[in-house]
């Protein structure tokens, strides 16, 4: 078994100056922590893998596949591979647990 403390993952992410910090990678999936500060722009582009976001904290809007919705803690979002998607109108620091299947390439 492996286990992670997301506060430690966040400290590593922040210390490295990264928005995203992967903490798990196996052939079938990968997972990480993605953080966007209030007012930030989301620089991501479509991925080759299916993706799930779990909103840990913060409030923003999310656009994917032509739909736009508010997101808040506790929300779970699924984005199919190759679909354009983006967080925007980030009102407060947005922390997201992210899982890719298969592992992000």
Protein backbone atom coordinates (compact mmCIF):
# COMPACT_ATOMS: atom_id res chain seq x y z
CA UNK A 1 0.00 0.00 0.00
CA UNK A 2 1.03 3.58 -0.65
CA UNK A 3 -0.41 6.62 1.09
CA UNK A 4 0.03 10.37 0.73
CA UNK A 5 -0.67 13.44 2.80
CA UNK A 6 -2.05 16.13 0.48
CA UNK A 7 -0.60 18.92 2.66
CA UNK A 8 2.87 17.45 1.98
CA UNK A 9 2.10 17.05 -1.72
CA UNK A 10 0.95 20.68 -1.81
CA UNK A 11 4.16 21.84 -0.08
CA UNK A 12 6.25 19.96 -2.67
CA UNK A 13 4.15 21.42 -5.51
CA UNK A 14 4.44 24.94 -4.18
CA UNK A 15 8.15 24.61 -3.43
CA UNK A 16 8.79 23.51 -7.02
CA UNK A 17 6.71 26.40 -8.40
CA UNK A 18 4.28 23.99 -10.09
CA UNK A 19 0.52 24.14 -10.57
CA UNK A 20 0.27 20.34 -10.73
CA UNK A 21 2.15 17.75 -8.68
CA UNK A 22 1.75 14.10 -9.57
CA UNK A 23 2.04 11.74 -6.60
CA UNK A 24 0.87 8.43 -8.10
CA UNK A 25 1.80 6.74 -11.37
CA UNK A 26 1.04 3.17 -12.35
CA UNK A 27 0.23 1.86 -15.82
CA UNK A 28 -3.53 2.02 -15.35
CA UNK A 29 -3.77 5.50 -13.80
CA UNK A 30 -2.01 8.53 -12.40
CA UNK A 31 -3.10 11.07 -9.78
CA UNK A 32 -1.99 14.45 -8.58
CA UNK A 33 -2.86 17.73 -6.94
CA UNK A 34 -3.72 20.75 -9.14
CA UNK A 35 -3.91 24.22 -7.55
CA UNK A 36 -4.97 27.50 -9.14
CA UNK A 37 -4.89 30.74 -7.15
CA UNK A 38 -7.76 33.24 -7.16
CA UNK A 39 -7.86 35.17 -10.42
CA UNK A 40 -5.44 32.75 -12.15
CA UNK A 41 -5.80 31.49 -15.71
CA UNK A 42 -5.97 27.74 -16.27
CA UNK A 43 -3.27 26.91 -18.87
CA UNK A 44 -4.19 23.28 -19.53
CA UNK A 45 -5.05 21.79 -22.90
CA UNK A 46 -6.95 18.58 -23.71
CA UNK A 47 -5.42 15.34 -22.44
CA UNK A 48 -5.13 11.97 -24.16
CA UNK A 49 -6.63 10.28 -21.09
CA UNK A 50 -9.99 10.32 -19.33
CA UNK A 51 -9.82 12.56 -16.27
CA UNK A 52 -11.63 13.04 -12.97
CA UNK A 53 -11.40 16.16 -10.80
CA UNK A 54 -12.48 16.21 -7.17
CA UNK A 55 -12.78 19.77 -5.80
CA UNK A 56 -11.07 19.88 -2.41
CA UNK A 57 -11.43 23.62 -1.81
CA UNK A 58 -12.23 26.86 -3.58
CA UNK A 59 -14.88 28.20 -5.91
CA UNK A 60 -14.70 28.73 -9.66
CA UNK A 61 -16.46 27.97 -12.91
CA UNK A 62 -15.63 25.04 -15.19
CA UNK A 63 -16.22 24.75 -18.92
CA UNK A 64 -16.07 21.39 -20.68
CA UNK A 65 -17.73 20.01 -23.78
CA UNK A 66 -19.81 23.16 -24.28
CA UNK A 67 -21.18 23.11 -20.72
CA UNK A 68 -20.30 25.70 -18.08
CA UNK A 69 -21.01 25.29 -14.36
CA UNK A 70 -20.02 26.55 -10.95
CA UNK A 71 -17.76 24.22 -8.96
CA UNK A 72 -17.32 24.06 -5.18
CA UNK A 73 -15.83 21.70 -2.58
CA UNK A 74 -17.19 18.17 -2.89
CA UNK A 75 -17.93 18.38 -6.62
CA UNK A 76 -16.63 15.60 -8.88
CA UNK A 77 -16.10 16.32 -12.58
CA UNK A 78 -15.43 13.84 -15.39
CA UNK A 79 -13.74 14.92 -18.63
CA UNK A 80 -13.38 12.41 -21.47
CA UNK A 81 -10.08 12.18 -23.31
CA UNK A 82 -9.41 14.94 -25.87
CA UNK A 83 -12.24 17.20 -24.63
CA UNK A 84 -11.38 20.90 -24.32
CA UNK A 85 -11.88 22.01 -20.70
CA UNK A 86 -10.86 24.84 -18.40
CA UNK A 87 -11.41 26.32 -14.95
CA UNK A 88 -12.13 30.06 -15.00
CA UNK A 89 -13.54 32.86 -12.86
CA UNK A 90 -11.55 31.46 -9.94
CA UNK A 91 -12.88 33.29 -6.88
CA UNK A 92 -10.64 31.69 -4.25
CA UNK A 93 -7.70 29.28 -4.26
CA UNK A 94 -8.89 26.16 -6.09
CA UNK A 95 -7.39 22.82 -4.99
CA UNK A 96 -8.24 19.75 -7.03
CA UNK A 97 -7.46 16.08 -6.70
CA UNK A 98 -6.94 14.82 -10.26
CA UNK A 99 -6.95 11.25 -11.59
CA UNK A 100 -6.09 10.19 -15.14
CA UNK A 101 -6.84 6.78 -16.66
CA UNK A 102 -4.70 5.40 -18.08
CA UNK A 103 -1.69 7.23 -16.62
CA UNK A 104 -1.14 10.70 -18.07
CA UNK A 105 1.37 10.53 -20.91
